[in-house]
Amino acid sequence: MPHSRDPHERARRLARLIVSDIIIYNQDRIVEGIKEDTLFDLLKENIEVGRAYYVKNIDPAVAEQSNYFDHALVDILVKGRGNIPSKIW
């Protein structure tokens, strides 16, 4: 599959890839964080490192105009975990 030249599409893909990696390496912490409503506290360091990598590797104009990394956190990390018992839903 060829690389997209659209900087927004590249940023969206990179954000989704980074969040997917966070999920792969932190599955137990994610379950615990959702159950205890401490998800973002438990993953704070991973999210900060991922966000820094994301910002470093996308077009600066795209970073200023968009929130693709935060959207990926919600869409991939949180929405897909509705089956885990939690205080928040």
N, C-alpha and C. Protein backbone atom coordinates (compact mmCIF):
# COMPACT_ATOMS: atom_id res chain seq x y z
N MET A 1 0.86 -1.17 0.00
CA MET A 1 0.00 0.00 0.00
C MET A 1 0.90 1.23 0.00
N PRO A 2 0.69 2.15 -0.93
CA PRO A 2 1.54 3.34 -1.01
C PRO A 2 1.31 4.29 0.15
N HIS A 3 2.36 5.05 0.49
CA HIS A 3 2.25 6.04 1.56
C HIS A 3 1.39 7.21 1.09
N SER A 4 0.55 7.69 1.97
CA SER A 4 -0.31 8.83 1.65
C SER A 4 0.52 10.10 1.69
N ARG A 5 0.26 10.98 0.73
CA ARG A 5 0.95 12.27 0.72
C ARG A 5 0.15 13.32 1.50
N ASP A 6 -1.09 13.00 1.81
CA ASP A 6 -1.93 13.93 2.57
C ASP A 6 -1.43 13.97 4.01
N PRO A 7 -0.93 15.13 4.47
CA PRO A 7 -0.37 15.18 5.83
C PRO A 7 -1.39 14.90 6.92
N HIS A 8 -2.65 15.20 6.66
CA HIS A 8 -3.69 14.90 7.66
C HIS A 8 -3.92 13.40 7.76
N GLU A 9 -3.95 12.73 6.63
CA GLU A 9 -4.13 11.28 6.64
C GLU A 9 -2.93 10.60 7.31
N ARG A 10 -1.73 11.07 7.02
CA ARG A 10 -0.53 10.52 7.65
C ARG A 10 -0.60 10.71 9.17
N ALA A 11 -1.04 11.87 9.62
CA ALA A 11 -1.15 12.14 11.06
C ALA A 11 -2.19 11.23 11.71
N ARG A 12 -3.34 11.06 11.04
CA ARG A 12 -4.38 10.17 11.59
C ARG A 12 -3.85 8.74 11.72
N ARG A 13 -3.17 8.28 10.69
CA ARG A 13 -2.63 6.91 10.71
C ARG A 13 -1.58 6.74 11.81
N LEU A 14 -0.70 7.71 11.92
CA LEU A 14 0.33 7.63 12.95
C LEU A 14 -0.29 7.63 14.34
N ALA A 15 -1.27 8.47 14.57
CA ALA A 15 -1.95 8.52 15.87
C ALA A 15 -2.58 7.17 16.20
N ARG A 16 -3.25 6.58 15.23
CA ARG A 16 -3.90 5.29 15.46
C ARG A 16 -2.86 4.19 15.73
N LEU A 17 -1.75 4.25 15.04
CA LEU A 17 -0.69 3.27 15.23
C LEU A 17 -0.09 3.38 16.63
N ILE A 18 0.19 4.58 17.05
CA ILE A 18 0.77 4.79 18.39
C ILE A 18 -0.18 4.32 19.48
N VAL A 19 -1.45 4.69 19.36
CA VAL A 19 -2.43 4.27 20.38
C VAL A 19 -2.60 2.75 20.36
N SER A 20 -2.57 2.15 19.18
CA SER A 20 -2.65 0.68 19.10
C SER A 20 -1.48 0.03 19.82
N ASP A 21 -0.28 0.60 19.68
CA ASP A 21 0.87 0.07 20.40
C ASP A 21 0.71 0.22 21.91
N ILE A 22 0.19 1.35 22.33
CA ILE A 22 -0.06 1.55 23.77
C ILE A 22 -1.01 0.46 24.28
N ILE A 23 -2.02 0.14 23.52
CA ILE A 23 -2.98 -0.89 23.91
C ILE A 23 -2.32 -2.26 23.99
N ILE A 24 -1.54 -2.60 22.98
CA ILE A 24 -0.89 -3.91 22.93
C ILE A 24 -0.03 -4.15 24.17
N TYR A 25 0.73 -3.14 24.57
CA TYR A 25 1.68 -3.32 25.66
C TYR A 25 1.12 -3.03 27.04
N ASN A 26 -0.15 -2.64 27.13
CA ASN A 26 -0.71 -2.26 28.44
C ASN A 26 -2.10 -2.82 28.68
N GLN A 27 -2.41 -3.98 28.16
CA GLN A 27 -3.77 -4.51 28.26
C GLN A 27 -4.26 -4.67 29.69
N ASP A 28 -3.44 -5.20 30.57
CA ASP A 28 -3.86 -5.38 31.97
C ASP A 28 -4.09 -4.03 32.65
N ARG A 29 -3.21 -3.07 32.39
CA ARG A 29 -3.35 -1.74 32.98
C ARG A 29 -4.60 -1.04 32.45
N ILE A 30 -4.94 -1.29 31.21
CA ILE A 30 -6.14 -0.68 30.62
C ILE A 30 -7.39 -1.21 31.32
N VAL A 31 -7.46 -2.51 31.50
CA VAL A 31 -8.61 -3.10 32.20
C VAL A 31 -8.71 -2.53 33.61
N GLU A 32 -7.60 -2.51 34.32
CA GLU A 32 -7.60 -1.95 35.67
C GLU A 32 -8.01 -0.49 35.68
N GLY A 33 -7.46 0.28 34.75
CA GLY A 33 -7.76 1.71 34.69
C GLY A 33 -9.21 2.02 34.38
N ILE A 34 -9.81 1.20 33.53
CA ILE A 34 -11.22 1.41 33.22
C ILE A 34 -12.08 1.02 34.42
N LYS A 35 -11.78 -0.10 35.03
CA LYS A 35 -12.55 -0.55 36.20
C LYS A 35 -12.48 0.45 37.34
N GLU A 36 -11.32 1.04 37.55
CA GLU A 36 -11.11 1.93 38.69
C GLU A 36 -11.21 3.42 38.32
N ASP A 37 -11.52 3.71 37.07
CA ASP A 37 -11.59 5.09 36.57
C ASP A 37 -10.26 5.83 36.78
N THR A 38 -9.16 5.13 36.50
CA THR A 38 -7.82 5.72 36.60
C THR A 38 -7.03 5.50 35.32
N LEU A 39 -7.73 5.27 34.23
CA LEU A 39 -7.09 4.89 32.97
C LEU A 39 -5.99 5.86 32.56
N PHE A 40 -6.32 7.14 32.51
CA PHE A 40 -5.35 8.11 32.01
C PHE A 40 -4.22 8.36 33.01
N ASP A 41 -4.47 8.14 34.28
CA ASP A 41 -3.40 8.22 35.27
C ASP A 41 -2.41 7.06 35.09
N LEU A 42 -2.95 5.86 34.90
CA LEU A 42 -2.09 4.69 34.74
C LEU A 42 -1.27 4.73 33.45
N LEU A 43 -1.83 5.32 32.42
CA LEU A 43 -1.14 5.34 31.12
C LEU A 43 -0.49 6.68 30.82
N LYS A 44 -0.42 7.54 31.82
CA LYS A 44 0.08 8.90 31.60
C LYS A 44 1.43 8.92 30.89
N GLU A 45 2.39 8.17 31.38
CA GLU A 45 3.73 8.18 30.79
C GLU A 45 3.70 7.66 29.35
N ASN A 46 2.98 6.57 29.12
CA ASN A 46 2.89 6.02 27.76
C ASN A 46 2.24 7.00 26.81
N ILE A 47 1.21 7.67 27.28
CA ILE A 47 0.51 8.64 26.44
C ILE A 47 1.41 9.84 26.15
N GLU A 48 2.14 10.31 27.15
CA GLU A 48 3.04 11.45 26.94
C GLU A 48 4.15 11.11 25.94
N VAL A 49 4.73 9.93 26.08
CA VAL A 49 5.78 9.50 25.14
C VAL A 49 5.20 9.35 23.74
N GLY A 50 4.02 8.73 23.65
CA GLY A 50 3.37 8.57 22.35
C GLY A 50 3.03 9.89 21.70
N ARG A 51 2.51 10.82 22.49
CA ARG A 51 2.14 12.14 21.97
C ARG A 51 3.39 12.89 21.48
N ALA A 52 4.49 12.80 22.23
CA ALA A 52 5.73 13.47 21.82
C ALA A 52 6.24 12.90 20.50
N TYR A 53 6.19 11.59 20.36
CA TYR A 53 6.61 10.96 19.10
C TYR A 53 5.71 11.41 17.96
N TYR A 54 4.42 11.44 18.22
CA TYR A 54 3.43 11.87 17.22
C TYR A 54 3.74 13.29 16.75
N VAL A 55 3.87 14.21 17.68
CA VAL A 55 4.11 15.62 17.34
C VAL A 55 5.42 15.79 16.58
N LYS A 56 6.43 15.04 16.98
CA LYS A 56 7.74 15.12 16.33
C LYS A 56 7.69 14.64 14.88
N ASN A 57 6.77 13.74 14.57
CA ASN A 57 6.76 13.08 13.27
C ASN A 57 5.63 13.49 12.34
N ILE A 58 4.89 14.53 12.69
CA ILE A 58 3.87 15.01 11.76
C ILE A 58 4.19 16.45 11.37
N ASP A 59 3.51 16.90 10.34
CA ASP A 59 3.65 18.28 9.87
C ASP A 59 3.20 19.21 11.00
N PRO A 60 4.02 20.19 11.37
CA PRO A 60 3.66 21.11 12.46
C PRO A 60 2.32 21.82 12.23
N ALA A 61 2.01 22.13 10.99
CA ALA A 61 0.73 22.78 10.70
C ALA A 61 -0.44 21.86 11.03
N VAL A 62 -0.27 20.58 10.77
CA VAL A 62 -1.32 19.61 11.09
C VAL A 62 -1.49 19.52 12.61
N ALA A 63 -0.38 19.53 13.34
CA ALA A 63 -0.45 19.46 14.81
C ALA A 63 -1.23 20.65 15.38
N GLU A 64 -1.06 21.81 14.78
CA GLU A 64 -1.77 23.01 15.25
C GLU A 64 -3.25 22.98 14.89
N GLN A 65 -3.60 22.33 13.80
CA GLN A 65 -4.97 22.36 13.28
C GLN A 65 -5.84 21.20 13.76
N SER A 66 -5.24 20.19 14.31
CA SER A 66 -6.00 18.96 14.57
C SER A 66 -5.76 18.41 15.96
N ASN A 67 -6.55 17.40 16.28
CA ASN A 67 -6.48 16.69 17.55
C ASN A 67 -6.50 15.19 17.29
N TYR A 68 -5.83 14.74 16.25
CA TYR A 68 -5.91 13.34 15.84
C TYR A 68 -5.44 12.37 16.92
N PHE A 69 -4.44 12.75 17.68
CA PHE A 69 -3.95 11.86 18.72
C PHE A 69 -5.02 11.66 19.80
N ASP A 70 -5.64 12.74 20.23
CA ASP A 70 -6.71 12.62 21.24
C ASP A 70 -7.90 11.85 20.70
N HIS A 71 -8.23 12.07 19.44
CA HIS A 71 -9.34 11.32 18.83
C HIS A 71 -9.02 9.82 18.82
N ALA A 72 -7.78 9.48 18.51
CA ALA A 72 -7.39 8.06 18.49
C ALA A 72 -7.47 7.47 19.89
N LEU A 73 -7.08 8.23 20.90
CA LEU A 73 -7.19 7.73 22.28
C LEU A 73 -8.63 7.37 22.61
N VAL A 74 -9.54 8.23 22.25
CA VAL A 74 -10.96 7.97 22.55
C VAL A 74 -11.50 6.86 21.67
N ASP A 75 -11.27 6.95 20.36
CA ASP A 75 -11.86 6.00 19.42
C ASP A 75 -11.32 4.59 19.59
N ILE A 76 -10.04 4.46 19.82
CA ILE A 76 -9.44 3.13 19.86
C ILE A 76 -9.30 2.62 21.30
N LEU A 77 -8.84 3.46 22.18
CA LEU A 77 -8.56 3.02 23.55
C LEU A 77 -9.83 2.91 24.40
N VAL A 78 -10.69 3.89 24.35
CA VAL A 78 -11.84 3.92 25.25
C VAL A 78 -13.08 3.28 24.65
N LYS A 79 -13.48 3.68 23.47
CA LYS A 79 -14.73 3.18 22.90
C LYS A 79 -14.77 1.66 22.76
N GLY A 80 -13.65 1.07 22.47
CA GLY A 80 -13.62 -0.37 22.28
C GLY A 80 -13.64 -1.18 23.55
N ARG A 81 -13.75 -0.54 24.70
CA ARG A 81 -13.69 -1.24 25.97
C ARG A 81 -14.98 -1.15 26.77
N GLY A 82 -16.09 -0.94 26.12
CA GLY A 82 -17.38 -0.80 26.80
C GLY A 82 -17.83 -2.05 27.52
N ASN A 83 -17.21 -3.18 27.22
CA ASN A 83 -17.58 -4.44 27.87
C ASN A 83 -16.95 -4.60 29.25
N ILE A 84 -16.01 -3.73 29.60
CA ILE A 84 -15.33 -3.82 30.89
C ILE A 84 -16.18 -3.07 31.93
N PRO A 85 -16.56 -3.72 33.01
CA PRO A 85 -17.35 -3.02 34.04
C PRO A 85 -16.60 -1.79 34.56
N SER A 86 -17.34 -0.71 34.70
CA SER A 86 -16.71 0.53 35.11
C SER A 86 -17.70 1.42 35.84
N LYS A 87 -17.14 2.30 36.68
CA LYS A 87 -17.95 3.29 37.38
C LYS A 87 -18.44 4.38 36.42
N ILE A 88 -17.73 4.56 35.30
CA ILE A 88 -18.05 5.65 34.41
C ILE A 88 -19.12 5.35 33.37
N TRP A 89 -19.55 4.07 33.25
CA TRP A 89 -20.67 3.77 32.36
C TRP A 89 -21.52 2.69 32.90
